[in-house]
Amino acid sequence: MRTTYYTLQQVIARTSLSSSTIYRWEKLGIFPQRTKLGPRRVAWRSDQIENWMAPSVA
């Protein structure tokens, strides 16, 4: 299975969160960590974002 990635703009559009909230929650461990794809490029794994957005079932 091929891994797909979301850019920051795609994550913002998908989650309706601001970039500062994403970075703050990422630092606090609330939001998935970004992946470094190159010297000047980072992205988030789409499966991690989708799992984070899915309601947790108790």
Protein backbone atom coordinates (compact mmCIF):
# COMPACT_ATOMS: atom_id res chain seq x y z
CA MET A 1 0.00 0.00 0.00
CA ARG A 2 1.35 3.41 -0.97
CA THR A 3 1.58 6.09 1.70
CA THR A 4 0.09 9.45 0.80
CA TYR A 5 0.92 12.73 2.46
CA TYR A 6 -0.89 16.00 3.15
CA THR A 7 0.78 19.40 2.91
CA LEU A 8 0.10 21.99 5.60
CA GLN A 9 -2.54 23.64 3.41
CA GLN A 10 -4.27 20.29 2.87
CA VAL A 11 -4.20 19.55 6.61
CA ILE A 12 -5.70 22.97 7.34
CA ALA A 13 -8.44 22.39 4.76
CA ARG A 14 -9.16 18.87 6.03
CA THR A 15 -9.19 19.67 9.77
CA SER A 16 -10.31 23.34 9.81
CA LEU A 17 -7.49 24.08 12.25
CA SER A 18 -5.10 27.01 11.96
CA SER A 19 -1.42 26.41 11.30
CA SER A 20 -0.49 27.72 14.76
CA THR A 21 -2.92 25.28 16.40
CA ILE A 22 -1.54 22.39 14.35
CA TYR A 23 2.06 23.21 15.33
CA ARG A 24 1.14 23.79 18.99
CA TRP A 25 -0.86 20.55 19.25
CA GLU A 26 1.89 18.67 17.44
CA LYS A 27 4.40 19.90 20.02
CA LEU A 28 2.06 18.87 22.86
CA GLY A 29 1.52 15.41 21.35
CA ILE A 30 -2.17 16.03 20.62
CA PHE A 31 -1.76 16.06 16.83
CA PRO A 32 0.22 13.66 14.56
CA GLN A 33 3.87 14.50 13.93
CA ARG A 34 4.94 15.75 10.51
CA THR A 35 7.38 13.82 8.36
CA LYS A 36 10.41 15.43 6.75
CA LEU A 37 10.34 14.62 3.03
CA GLY A 38 13.34 16.70 2.01
CA PRO A 39 15.58 19.56 3.12
CA ARG A 40 12.76 22.11 2.86
CA ARG A 41 9.62 19.95 2.71
CA VAL A 42 7.47 18.44 5.42
CA ALA A 43 4.08 16.74 5.26
CA TRP A 44 1.71 14.69 7.38
CA ARG A 45 0.80 11.09 6.62
CA SER A 46 -2.79 11.04 5.42
CA ASP A 47 -3.63 7.86 7.35
CA GLN A 48 -2.48 9.45 10.62
CA ILE A 49 -4.58 12.57 9.98
CA GLU A 50 -7.65 10.48 9.10
CA ASN A 51 -7.20 8.32 12.22
CA TRP A 52 -6.79 11.43 14.38
CA MET A 53 -10.00 12.87 12.93
CA ALA A 54 -12.01 9.67 13.42
CA PRO A 55 -14.10 9.70 16.59
CA SER A 56 -12.63 7.46 19.24
CA VAL A 57 -14.83 4.54 20.21
CA ALA A 58 -14.83 3.73 23.92
